[in-house]
Amino acid sequence: MKEAKRRVLETLLTSEFTVLARLLARIASGHYSTRDYSADSLREALELYVLHFPVYRTYLTMAGPSEHDRALISQTIAQARADWFAADEGIFDFLRDTITMDLIKRAGTAHSTSRVRRFALKVQQFTGPLMAKSLEDTAFYRYHRLLALNEVGGDASAKGLSVEAFHATMQARAKEWPHGMTATATHDTKRGEDARARLAALTEIAGEWTSTAAKWKVLTRRISSSTATSARPR
């Protein structure tokens, strides 16, 4: 997943990421305590942050982050810091405080309020497309454990539930999200409900499906060979 994100950063979203990195550098240059952070170091720290960010986005407002979003940002900062190769780890404290907008809540701060707010809001506008392009449009086409799970909002590593576990999950959902919607498709569904249902059903008869597919391969070998021959350029 991280490699898919890195590829998207280096190709599809390079310009957008460069805008973010330059804005972060302008913020840092606005105060003596942070102006020594180089533009390259700030870009690399920001890259580590977005590479480790585990969900689509946070939902910050001008008032700042919720407790949930604050915890998510802190967790991501810690993971990014663990991958840092340079000596000055203080750059991640600055990055965290900029993303949470804590930087402009301190008394007597000289950092630009408008730039910090713009950066914090643009980060969460950036991580959504980054996740969509890297997960849905890249990783889901590389990881084929069970294609029926490779869907928007899905978990490609999910495992089957026992009947008892399923009922327990549904009871928890009815209690905690009584008005939640059960959707079988979205605007960006990769495969329709019928196709995913068939793929899921085949997992229940894996042995039978494997032997049947092998028989079909033998039966159609002559047809497949002749088709391939006729399709060759002359």
Protein backbone atom coordinates (compact mmCIF):
# COMPACT_ATOMS: atom_id res chain seq x y z
CA MET A 1 0.00 0.00 0.00
CA LYS A 2 2.79 2.40 0.87
CA GLU A 3 4.51 1.74 -2.45
CA ALA A 4 1.26 2.39 -4.29
CA LYS A 5 0.95 5.71 -2.47
CA ARG A 6 4.52 6.60 -3.30
CA ARG A 7 3.91 5.89 -6.98
CA VAL A 8 0.83 8.13 -7.01
CA LEU A 9 2.79 10.88 -5.23
CA GLU A 10 5.52 10.70 -7.85
CA THR A 11 3.15 10.73 -10.82
CA LEU A 12 -0.52 11.73 -10.63
CA LEU A 13 -0.44 14.05 -7.61
CA THR A 14 3.05 15.51 -7.82
CA SER A 15 1.88 19.06 -8.51
CA GLU A 16 -0.66 19.08 -5.69
CA PHE A 17 1.89 17.69 -3.26
CA THR A 18 4.45 20.29 -4.31
CA VAL A 19 1.96 23.07 -3.54
CA LEU A 20 1.46 21.62 -0.04
CA ALA A 21 5.18 21.23 0.59
CA ARG A 22 5.92 24.80 -0.51
CA LEU A 23 3.16 26.17 1.70
CA LEU A 24 4.60 24.26 4.66
CA ALA A 25 8.04 25.74 3.93
CA ARG A 26 6.59 29.27 3.83
CA ILE A 27 4.97 28.69 7.21
CA ALA A 28 8.23 27.42 8.68
CA SER A 29 10.17 30.43 7.37
CA GLY A 30 7.86 32.77 9.26
CA HIS A 31 9.44 32.26 12.67
CA TYR A 32 13.01 31.96 13.94
CA SER A 33 12.22 28.69 15.78
CA THR A 34 11.33 26.85 12.58
CA ARG A 35 13.04 28.71 9.75
CA ASP A 36 16.07 26.42 9.87
CA TYR A 37 14.04 23.49 8.57
CA SER A 38 15.02 23.12 4.92
CA ALA A 39 12.42 22.88 2.18
CA ASP A 40 13.68 19.40 1.27
CA SER A 41 13.43 18.15 4.86
CA LEU A 42 9.91 19.53 5.23
CA ARG A 43 8.85 17.87 1.98
CA GLU A 44 10.31 14.53 3.08
CA ALA A 45 8.63 14.73 6.49
CA LEU A 46 5.29 15.59 4.89
CA GLU A 47 5.72 12.72 2.46
CA LEU A 48 6.26 10.27 5.32
CA TYR A 49 3.14 11.61 7.01
CA VAL A 50 0.84 11.13 4.02
CA LEU A 51 2.37 7.73 3.24
CA HIS A 52 1.50 6.50 6.73
CA PHE A 53 -1.91 8.18 6.95
CA PRO A 54 -4.28 5.18 7.23
CA VAL A 55 -7.68 6.58 6.18
CA TYR A 56 -9.08 8.91 3.55
CA ARG A 57 -9.14 12.15 5.54
CA THR A 58 -9.65 14.00 8.78
CA TYR A 59 -12.52 16.45 9.31
CA LEU A 60 -10.88 19.50 10.79
CA THR A 61 -12.72 22.80 10.96
CA MET A 62 -11.43 26.29 11.66
CA ALA A 63 -11.84 25.42 15.35
CA GLY A 64 -9.37 22.57 15.05
CA PRO A 65 -9.52 18.76 15.13
CA SER A 66 -11.87 16.51 17.07
CA GLU A 67 -10.34 14.22 19.68
CA HIS A 68 -10.60 11.32 17.23
CA ASP A 69 -8.82 13.24 14.48
CA ARG A 70 -6.18 14.51 16.91
CA ALA A 71 -5.39 10.94 17.97
CA LEU A 72 -5.23 9.86 14.32
CA ILE A 73 -2.82 12.67 13.45
CA SER A 74 -0.60 11.92 16.46
CA GLN A 75 -0.50 8.22 15.60
CA THR A 76 0.48 8.98 12.02
CA ILE A 77 3.15 11.44 13.12
CA ALA A 78 4.64 8.78 15.40
CA GLN A 79 4.82 6.28 12.53
CA ALA A 80 6.37 8.85 10.21
CA ARG A 81 8.92 9.81 12.87
CA ALA A 82 9.92 6.15 13.22
CA ASP A 83 10.90 6.13 9.52
CA TRP A 84 12.82 9.41 9.74
CA PHE A 85 16.47 9.17 8.75
CA ALA A 86 17.81 12.56 9.91
CA ALA A 87 18.84 13.79 13.36
CA ASP A 88 16.34 16.63 13.80
CA GLU A 89 13.08 14.98 14.81
CA GLY A 90 11.63 18.30 15.98
CA ILE A 91 10.41 18.79 12.45
CA PHE A 92 7.58 16.34 13.20
CA ASP A 93 6.44 18.35 16.23
CA PHE A 94 6.21 21.36 13.93
CA LEU A 95 4.36 19.32 11.28
CA ARG A 96 1.89 17.95 13.84
CA ASP A 97 1.21 21.38 15.33
CA THR A 98 0.67 22.82 11.86
CA ILE A 99 -1.76 20.09 10.78
CA THR A 100 -3.74 20.38 14.04
CA MET A 101 -3.45 24.20 13.91
CA ASP A 102 -2.08 24.18 17.47
CA LEU A 103 0.74 26.28 16.05
CA ILE A 104 -1.46 29.38 15.89
CA LYS A 105 -3.17 28.82 19.23
CA ARG A 106 -0.06 29.61 21.22
CA ALA A 107 0.22 33.02 22.78
CA GLY A 108 2.48 35.35 20.85
CA THR A 109 2.95 33.06 17.84
CA ALA A 110 4.43 34.74 14.78
CA HIS A 111 3.36 32.11 12.27
CA SER A 112 0.81 33.15 9.67
CA THR A 113 -2.68 32.21 10.82
CA SER A 114 -4.12 32.21 7.32
CA ARG A 115 -1.33 30.02 5.93
CA VAL A 116 -1.56 27.50 8.77
CA ARG A 117 -5.32 27.19 8.37
CA ARG A 118 -5.02 26.87 4.62
CA PHE A 119 -2.35 24.19 4.94
CA ALA A 120 -4.29 22.15 7.52
CA LEU A 121 -7.45 22.16 5.42
CA LYS A 122 -5.58 21.40 2.19
CA VAL A 123 -3.83 18.39 3.77
CA GLN A 124 -7.15 16.69 4.44
CA GLN A 125 -8.32 17.59 0.94
CA PHE A 126 -5.16 15.93 -0.41
CA THR A 127 -5.14 12.67 1.56
CA GLY A 128 -8.56 11.65 0.21
CA PRO A 129 -7.59 11.56 -3.49
CA LEU A 130 -4.22 10.07 -2.56
CA MET A 131 -5.91 7.17 -0.79
CA ALA A 132 -8.46 6.68 -3.57
CA LYS A 133 -5.84 6.58 -6.32
CA SER A 134 -3.40 4.38 -4.42
CA LEU A 135 -5.83 1.95 -2.76
CA GLU A 136 -8.82 1.66 -5.08
CA ASP A 137 -7.07 2.27 -8.40
CA THR A 138 -3.68 0.70 -7.73
CA ALA A 139 -3.42 -1.69 -4.76
CA PHE A 140 -6.81 -3.30 -5.48
CA TYR A 141 -5.50 -4.26 -8.93
CA ARG A 142 -2.35 -5.82 -7.49
CA TYR A 143 -3.70 -7.72 -4.47
CA HIS A 144 -6.02 -10.53 -5.58
CA ARG A 145 -6.71 -12.57 -2.47
CA LEU A 146 -10.47 -12.29 -3.04
CA LEU A 147 -11.64 -9.83 -5.69
CA ALA A 148 -15.10 -9.55 -4.14
CA LEU A 149 -13.50 -7.65 -1.23
CA ASN A 150 -11.60 -5.20 -3.43
CA GLU A 151 -14.25 -2.50 -3.29
CA VAL A 152 -14.58 1.12 -2.24
CA GLY A 153 -14.92 1.12 1.54
CA GLY A 154 -14.00 -2.57 1.71
CA ASP A 155 -11.21 -4.36 3.51
CA ALA A 156 -9.24 -6.60 1.17
CA SER A 157 -7.76 -8.49 4.16
CA ALA A 158 -11.13 -9.27 5.77
CA LYS A 159 -11.85 -12.87 6.77
CA GLY A 160 -15.09 -14.78 6.84
CA LEU A 161 -17.29 -14.73 9.95
CA SER A 162 -18.95 -17.60 11.74
CA VAL A 163 -22.73 -17.41 12.07
CA GLU A 164 -22.37 -16.45 15.73
CA ALA A 165 -19.83 -13.71 14.96
CA PHE A 166 -22.04 -12.36 12.18
CA HIS A 167 -25.04 -12.07 14.51
CA ALA A 168 -22.90 -10.40 17.18
CA THR A 169 -21.63 -7.89 14.61
CA MET A 170 -25.16 -7.11 13.46
CA GLN A 171 -26.34 -6.65 17.04
CA ALA A 172 -23.50 -4.22 17.70
CA ARG A 173 -24.34 -2.35 14.52
CA ALA A 174 -28.04 -2.12 15.41
CA LYS A 175 -27.08 -0.69 18.80
CA GLU A 176 -24.35 1.74 17.74
CA TRP A 177 -25.46 2.74 14.22
CA PRO A 178 -29.23 2.16 14.13
CA HIS A 179 -29.70 4.52 11.19
CA GLY A 180 -26.72 3.31 9.17
CA MET A 181 -27.26 2.40 5.54
CA THR A 182 -26.40 -1.02 4.14
CA ALA A 183 -25.18 -0.28 0.64
CA THR A 184 -24.18 -2.93 -1.89
CA ALA A 185 -22.84 -0.47 -4.45
CA THR A 186 -21.42 3.04 -4.67
CA HIS A 187 -20.82 5.54 -7.47
CA ASP A 188 -17.39 3.95 -7.94
CA THR A 189 -18.16 0.23 -7.59
CA LYS A 190 -15.54 -1.89 -9.36
CA ARG A 191 -17.79 -4.94 -9.73
CA GLY A 192 -21.55 -5.24 -9.49
CA GLU A 193 -23.37 -6.97 -6.64
CA ASP A 194 -24.06 -10.12 -8.71
CA ALA A 195 -20.42 -10.50 -9.73
CA ARG A 196 -19.22 -10.10 -6.14
CA ALA A 197 -21.87 -12.53 -4.86
CA ARG A 198 -20.73 -15.16 -7.36
CA LEU A 199 -17.07 -14.68 -6.43
CA ALA A 200 -17.95 -15.03 -2.75
CA ALA A 201 -20.05 -18.16 -3.43
CA LEU A 202 -17.15 -19.81 -5.26
CA THR A 203 -15.05 -19.60 -2.09
CA GLU A 204 -17.48 -22.11 -0.54
CA ILE A 205 -16.76 -24.69 -3.28
CA ALA A 206 -13.11 -23.97 -4.03
CA GLY A 207 -12.20 -27.59 -4.73
CA GLU A 208 -15.12 -28.17 -7.06
CA TRP A 209 -14.44 -24.92 -8.88
CA THR A 210 -10.74 -25.76 -9.34
CA SER A 211 -11.41 -29.20 -10.82
CA THR A 212 -14.18 -27.90 -13.07
CA ALA A 213 -12.02 -25.06 -14.36
CA ALA A 214 -9.25 -27.57 -15.09
CA LYS A 215 -11.69 -29.72 -17.11
CA TRP A 216 -12.88 -26.69 -19.07
CA LYS A 217 -9.28 -25.82 -19.85
CA VAL A 218 -8.70 -29.29 -21.33
CA LEU A 219 -11.96 -29.25 -23.30
CA THR A 220 -11.28 -25.85 -24.80
CA ARG A 221 -7.57 -26.29 -25.43
CA ARG A 222 -8.02 -26.99 -29.16
CA ILE A 223 -10.38 -24.04 -29.60
CA SER A 224 -8.09 -21.74 -27.60
CA SER A 225 -5.05 -22.79 -29.61
CA SER A 226 -6.76 -22.24 -32.96
CA THR A 227 -8.07 -18.86 -31.83
CA ALA A 228 -4.62 -17.78 -30.70
CA THR A 229 -3.10 -18.92 -34.01
CA SER A 230 -5.63 -17.04 -36.11
CA ALA A 231 -5.10 -13.92 -34.04
CA ARG A 232 -1.36 -13.76 -34.75
CA PRO A 233 -0.25 -11.01 -37.18
CA ARG A 234 0.77 -12.21 -40.61
